[in-house]
Amino acid sequence: MKSKRQKGNFHQILAPLLFLLPNMFIFLVFIIVPAFQGLRMSLMDWGVFTDPVFIGFRNFAELLQDSVFWVTFVNTIVFSVSVVGLMVVSSLILALLLKRNTLTGERVFRAVFYIPSLLSMIAVGIAWRFILGDEMGVMNYLMRSMGGPGVPWLTSGRLAMMSVIFVSVWAGSGYYMVIFISGLQAIPTELYEAARIDGSSSWNTFWLITIPLLKSTLLVVVVLGTIASFKAYELIFAMTKGGPGYATKFIVQQVYQVAFMEDRMGYASAMSIILMLLIGFFTALQFAFSGKDQSYE
């Protein structure tokens, strides 16, 4: 005789759904609806003071011939790959050094490294512009006072890109350090004790125990870091305003300029759709390479 499947009661099914409803409503109103609205706008010639005219995929065809867009596209890829790679390495190193939570000093260092992620990126950008500026910058002032030449940190194309990458990593590493620390503390200490008894070196223990069991945490950090790097705007605007030239101009900055300075909402929406697809592609790629989650057992 087949046993009937028991249906969940109110507390098991309906209560969790009721708690999720506000978040689902916010997600629908502020994410899903604007996404479809942006897709609709990308198919139109639309300005703030003009009536929208349906033009199909003409905006996307124009993007293929837009040299400035492709420069910002390449800049975005270079910035994102560099920032995410360096951020993962730096935040993981910090987490490994400060994971024990046994000494008061470790907690202080955690707070020190985490504080930059709490600051406004506009404030961070202004502060670092004051540090790296050509004429009034603190770094160049110190270098000139010691008899050396000043360095165009923010006015040389390659150095400006390196500067915004460095500051982005500096500002975000503390946040991802906390995520890594939680992942490291979830790994059973018995595994490390067994490896120590077997005579495994620290390097082998790191690659054979820590990294495999940190796989899911690493995926979270990479995905969150990738999304954040593709949307970076305030820090870059405060430091370089996209310059010199187009050296540090990314798709997000170009979307803002086209939409609100050139009054081409439809064309800017097409760029936004490309940015959304780009983020989705890299996120899916990361999930594909991550494989199945590892178990601690």
Protein backbone atom coordinates (compact mmCIF):
# COMPACT_ATOMS: atom_id res chain seq x y z
CA MET A 1 0.00 0.00 0.00
CA LYS A 2 1.45 3.30 -1.10
CA SER A 3 1.82 5.88 1.61
CA LYS A 4 0.27 9.22 0.90
CA ARG A 5 2.63 12.12 0.69
CA GLN A 6 2.05 14.43 3.60
CA LYS A 7 1.31 18.00 2.76
CA GLY A 8 3.13 20.71 4.64
CA ASN A 9 1.22 22.80 7.11
CA PHE A 10 1.01 26.57 7.28
CA HIS A 11 4.26 26.99 9.19
CA GLN A 12 6.20 24.82 6.72
CA ILE A 13 4.99 26.33 3.44
CA LEU A 14 2.84 29.44 3.66
CA ALA A 15 4.71 31.21 6.46
CA PRO A 16 8.09 31.21 4.62
CA LEU A 17 6.35 32.44 1.46
CA LEU A 18 4.75 35.30 3.37
CA PHE A 19 8.17 36.36 4.67
CA LEU A 20 9.55 36.22 1.11
CA LEU A 21 6.76 38.30 -0.42
CA PRO A 22 8.21 41.75 0.43
CA ASN A 23 11.59 40.84 -1.04
CA MET A 24 9.94 39.28 -4.12
CA PHE A 25 7.85 42.42 -4.60
CA ILE A 26 10.92 44.68 -4.37
CA PHE A 27 12.83 42.41 -6.78
CA LEU A 28 9.92 42.50 -9.25
CA VAL A 29 9.40 46.26 -9.10
CA PHE A 30 13.03 47.41 -9.05
CA ILE A 31 14.79 44.65 -11.05
CA ILE A 32 12.49 42.69 -13.36
CA VAL A 33 10.23 45.53 -14.51
CA PRO A 34 13.13 47.98 -15.18
CA ALA A 35 14.99 45.23 -17.08
CA PHE A 36 12.07 44.70 -19.45
CA GLN A 37 11.58 48.47 -19.72
CA GLY A 38 15.24 48.86 -20.64
CA LEU A 39 14.91 46.16 -23.29
CA ARG A 40 11.89 47.98 -24.74
CA MET A 41 13.74 51.30 -24.72
CA SER A 42 16.74 49.74 -26.51
CA LEU A 43 14.52 49.11 -29.52
CA MET A 44 13.50 52.76 -29.80
CA ASP A 45 14.88 56.17 -30.64
CA TRP A 46 14.02 57.80 -27.34
CA GLY A 47 15.00 61.09 -25.78
CA VAL A 48 13.78 62.90 -22.69
CA PHE A 49 12.03 65.64 -24.69
CA THR A 50 11.06 63.60 -27.78
CA ASP A 51 8.45 60.96 -28.41
CA PRO A 52 9.78 57.39 -28.65
CA VAL A 53 10.01 55.93 -32.16
CA PHE A 54 10.36 52.19 -32.70
CA ILE A 55 13.52 51.45 -34.75
CA GLY A 56 14.06 47.76 -34.04
CA PHE A 57 17.67 46.65 -33.64
CA ARG A 58 19.15 49.79 -35.20
CA ASN A 59 20.71 50.86 -31.88
CA PHE A 60 22.54 47.54 -31.59
CA ALA A 61 23.70 47.79 -35.20
CA GLU A 62 25.06 51.26 -34.47
CA LEU A 63 26.96 49.88 -31.47
CA LEU A 64 28.92 47.61 -33.79
CA GLN A 65 30.28 50.70 -35.56
CA ASP A 66 30.82 52.79 -32.42
CA SER A 67 34.58 52.90 -31.79
CA VAL A 68 34.17 54.65 -28.40
CA PHE A 69 31.85 51.90 -27.19
CA TRP A 70 34.38 49.22 -28.11
CA VAL A 71 37.14 51.10 -26.30
CA THR A 72 34.98 51.22 -23.17
CA PHE A 73 34.10 47.54 -23.71
CA VAL A 74 37.77 46.50 -23.72
CA ASN A 75 38.52 48.78 -20.75
CA THR A 76 35.68 47.17 -18.81
CA ILE A 77 36.96 43.65 -19.48
CA VAL A 78 40.56 44.57 -18.54
CA PHE A 79 39.45 46.34 -15.37
CA SER A 80 37.09 43.56 -14.26
CA VAL A 81 39.52 40.68 -14.86
CA SER A 82 42.36 42.53 -13.14
CA VAL A 83 40.34 43.67 -10.13
CA VAL A 84 38.65 40.31 -9.53
CA GLY A 85 41.90 38.37 -9.84
CA LEU A 86 43.86 40.65 -7.52
CA MET A 87 40.92 40.98 -5.12
CA VAL A 88 40.57 37.22 -4.72
CA VAL A 89 44.29 36.77 -4.04
CA SER A 90 44.64 39.70 -1.62
CA SER A 91 41.44 38.98 0.33
CA LEU A 92 42.30 35.26 0.61
CA ILE A 93 45.79 36.08 1.91
CA LEU A 94 44.30 38.45 4.51
CA ALA A 95 41.75 35.83 5.53
CA LEU A 96 44.42 33.16 5.97
CA LEU A 97 46.43 35.51 8.18
CA LEU A 98 43.47 36.64 10.30
CA LYS A 99 41.19 33.59 10.42
CA ARG A 100 41.92 32.29 13.94
CA ASN A 101 39.97 34.89 15.93
CA THR A 102 42.09 34.13 19.01
CA LEU A 103 44.02 37.35 19.55
CA THR A 104 42.72 40.87 20.12
CA GLY A 105 45.16 42.19 17.55
CA GLU A 106 43.63 40.04 14.82
CA ARG A 107 40.21 41.54 15.42
CA VAL A 108 41.66 45.03 15.21
CA PHE A 109 43.35 44.24 11.91
CA ARG A 110 40.12 42.77 10.57
CA ALA A 111 38.33 46.00 11.39
CA VAL A 112 41.10 48.09 9.82
CA PHE A 113 40.99 46.14 6.56
CA TYR A 114 37.18 46.07 6.51
CA ILE A 115 36.63 49.80 7.09
CA PRO A 116 37.41 50.92 3.48
CA SER A 117 34.50 48.81 2.18
CA LEU A 118 32.13 50.80 4.42
CA LEU A 119 33.17 54.15 3.00
CA SER A 120 31.51 55.94 0.13
CA MET A 121 33.37 55.24 -3.11
CA ILE A 122 33.11 58.92 -3.97
CA ALA A 123 34.94 59.77 -0.73
CA VAL A 124 37.52 57.06 -1.40
CA GLY A 125 38.08 58.35 -4.93
CA ILE A 126 38.51 61.95 -3.78
CA ALA A 127 40.95 60.89 -1.06
CA TRP A 128 43.08 58.88 -3.48
CA ARG A 129 42.94 61.67 -6.07
CA PHE A 130 44.42 63.92 -3.39
CA ILE A 131 47.13 61.31 -2.77
CA LEU A 132 47.97 60.53 -6.42
CA GLY A 133 47.35 63.93 -8.05
CA ASP A 134 50.06 65.36 -10.31
CA GLU A 135 50.66 68.81 -8.88
CA MET A 136 49.02 68.73 -5.43
CA GLY A 137 49.23 64.99 -4.80
CA VAL A 138 50.88 63.78 -1.60
CA MET A 139 52.88 61.06 -3.36
CA ASN A 140 54.38 63.38 -5.94
CA TYR A 141 55.09 66.00 -3.29
CA LEU A 142 57.10 63.48 -1.26
CA MET A 143 58.92 62.21 -4.36
CA ARG A 144 59.85 65.74 -5.48
CA SER A 145 60.93 66.70 -1.97
CA MET A 146 63.42 63.80 -2.10
CA GLY A 147 64.78 65.03 -5.44
CA GLY A 148 62.91 62.64 -7.71
CA PRO A 149 60.50 63.42 -10.57
CA GLY A 150 56.74 63.31 -10.16
CA VAL A 151 54.78 60.40 -11.61
CA PRO A 152 51.63 60.97 -13.70
CA TRP A 153 49.54 58.47 -11.74
CA LEU A 154 46.22 59.78 -13.04
CA THR A 155 47.20 61.54 -16.27
CA SER A 156 49.02 58.73 -18.05
CA GLY A 157 46.68 56.22 -19.67
CA ARG A 158 48.35 53.02 -18.47
CA LEU A 159 49.20 54.38 -15.01
CA ALA A 160 45.67 55.73 -14.58
CA MET A 161 44.20 52.28 -15.27
CA MET A 162 46.68 50.69 -12.86
CA SER A 163 45.81 53.31 -10.24
CA VAL A 164 42.04 52.74 -10.38
CA ILE A 165 42.61 48.96 -10.29
CA PHE A 166 44.85 49.29 -7.21
CA VAL A 167 42.40 51.55 -5.37
CA SER A 168 39.46 49.29 -6.24
CA VAL A 169 41.31 46.28 -4.82
CA TRP A 170 42.32 48.28 -1.74
CA ALA A 171 38.74 49.37 -1.12
CA GLY A 172 37.10 45.99 -1.65
CA SER A 173 39.51 43.40 -0.27
CA GLY A 174 38.33 43.80 3.32
CA TYR A 175 34.75 42.95 2.43
CA TYR A 176 35.69 39.73 0.63
CA MET A 177 38.20 38.92 3.38
CA VAL A 178 35.27 38.56 5.80
CA ILE A 179 33.53 36.14 3.42
CA PHE A 180 36.71 34.06 3.10
CA ILE A 181 37.18 34.02 6.88
CA SER A 182 33.69 32.58 7.36
CA GLY A 183 34.46 29.91 4.75
CA LEU A 184 37.81 29.04 6.34
CA GLN A 185 36.30 28.76 9.81
CA ALA A 186 33.70 26.30 8.46
CA ILE A 187 36.40 23.81 7.43
CA PRO A 188 36.77 21.12 10.14
CA THR A 189 40.05 21.41 12.03
CA GLU A 190 40.26 17.60 12.15
CA LEU A 191 41.26 17.59 8.49
CA TYR A 192 44.26 19.81 9.19
CA GLU A 193 45.24 17.72 12.20
CA ALA A 194 45.10 14.53 10.11
CA ALA A 195 47.22 16.15 7.39
CA ARG A 196 49.76 17.28 9.99
CA ILE A 197 49.99 13.75 11.41
CA ASP A 198 50.52 12.36 7.89
CA GLY A 199 53.42 14.76 7.44
CA SER A 200 51.78 16.95 4.79
CA SER A 201 53.49 20.28 4.18
CA SER A 202 51.66 23.57 4.61
CA TRP A 203 51.67 24.09 0.84
CA ASN A 204 50.14 20.65 0.14
CA THR A 205 47.58 21.16 2.89
CA PHE A 206 46.57 24.48 1.34
CA TRP A 207 46.10 23.04 -2.16
CA LEU A 208 44.61 19.68 -1.19
CA ILE A 209 42.36 20.70 1.72
CA THR A 210 41.81 24.45 1.95
CA ILE A 211 41.22 25.28 -1.71
CA PRO A 212 38.88 22.33 -2.53
CA LEU A 213 36.75 22.93 0.57
CA LEU A 214 36.75 26.68 -0.07
CA LYS A 215 35.39 26.20 -3.58
CA SER A 216 31.84 27.40 -2.93
CA THR A 217 33.07 30.44 -0.99
CA LEU A 218 35.52 31.24 -3.77
CA LEU A 219 32.67 31.10 -6.30
CA VAL A 220 30.62 33.56 -4.24
CA VAL A 221 33.55 35.98 -4.00
CA VAL A 222 34.32 35.77 -7.72
CA VAL A 223 30.69 36.27 -8.77
CA LEU A 224 30.09 39.19 -6.39
CA GLY A 225 33.42 40.76 -7.33
CA THR A 226 32.70 40.43 -11.05
CA ILE A 227 29.28 42.05 -10.78
CA ALA A 228 30.68 44.89 -8.65
CA SER A 229 33.60 45.51 -11.03
CA PHE A 230 31.34 45.72 -14.08
CA LYS A 231 29.18 48.32 -12.31
CA ALA A 232 32.06 50.42 -10.96
CA TYR A 233 31.26 54.10 -11.46
CA GLU A 234 31.68 56.39 -8.45
CA LEU A 235 35.33 55.57 -7.70
CA ILE A 236 36.46 55.97 -11.31
CA PHE A 237 34.47 59.18 -11.76
CA ALA A 238 35.97 60.71 -8.62
CA MET A 239 39.54 59.71 -9.50
CA THR A 240 39.86 60.19 -13.26
CA LYS A 241 36.41 61.05 -14.70
CA GLY A 242 37.17 58.38 -17.30
CA GLY A 243 40.38 60.03 -18.46
CA PRO A 244 42.91 60.71 -19.66
CA GLY A 245 40.98 60.49 -22.91
CA TYR A 246 39.12 57.19 -22.78
CA ALA A 247 41.84 55.33 -20.83
CA THR A 248 39.65 54.63 -17.77
CA LYS A 249 36.23 55.02 -19.29
CA PHE A 250 34.01 51.97 -18.88
CA ILE A 251 30.63 50.98 -20.28
CA VAL A 252 28.80 52.32 -17.21
CA GLN A 253 30.35 55.78 -17.65
CA GLN A 254 29.54 55.74 -21.38
CA VAL A 255 25.92 54.78 -20.65
CA TYR A 256 25.59 57.77 -18.32
CA GLN A 257 27.11 60.18 -20.84
CA VAL A 258 25.00 58.98 -23.76
CA ALA A 259 21.77 58.92 -21.74
CA PHE A 260 21.96 62.15 -19.75
CA MET A 261 24.43 64.34 -21.66
CA GLU A 262 23.59 63.38 -25.23
CA ASP A 263 19.89 62.65 -24.50
CA ARG A 264 19.89 59.29 -26.30
CA MET A 265 18.01 57.06 -23.89
CA GLY A 266 17.36 54.32 -26.42
CA TYR A 267 21.00 54.04 -27.46
CA ALA A 268 22.13 54.06 -23.81
CA SER A 269 19.61 51.32 -23.05
CA ALA A 270 21.14 49.20 -25.82
CA MET A 271 24.54 49.62 -24.13
CA SER A 272 22.98 48.61 -20.81
CA ILE A 273 21.57 45.45 -22.38
CA ILE A 274 25.04 44.57 -23.69
CA LEU A 275 26.48 45.17 -20.20
CA MET A 276 23.80 42.95 -18.65
CA LEU A 277 24.55 40.16 -21.15
CA LEU A 278 28.27 40.57 -20.45
CA ILE A 279 27.76 40.19 -16.70
CA GLY A 280 25.50 37.19 -17.28
CA PHE A 281 28.05 35.56 -19.58
CA PHE A 282 30.94 35.90 -17.12
CA THR A 283 28.76 34.75 -14.20
CA ALA A 284 27.59 31.67 -16.13
CA LEU A 285 31.19 30.98 -17.11
CA GLN A 286 32.27 31.06 -13.48
CA PHE A 287 29.48 28.67 -12.47
CA ALA A 288 30.43 26.33 -15.31
CA PHE A 289 34.09 26.21 -14.23
CA SER A 290 33.20 25.83 -10.56
CA GLY A 291 31.58 22.41 -11.05
CA LYS A 292 29.82 20.76 -8.16
CA ASP A 293 30.11 22.08 -4.64
CA GLN A 294 32.45 20.25 -2.33
CA SER A 295 31.31 18.71 0.93
CA TYR A 296 33.12 19.05 4.22
CA GLU A 297 32.42 15.43 5.09
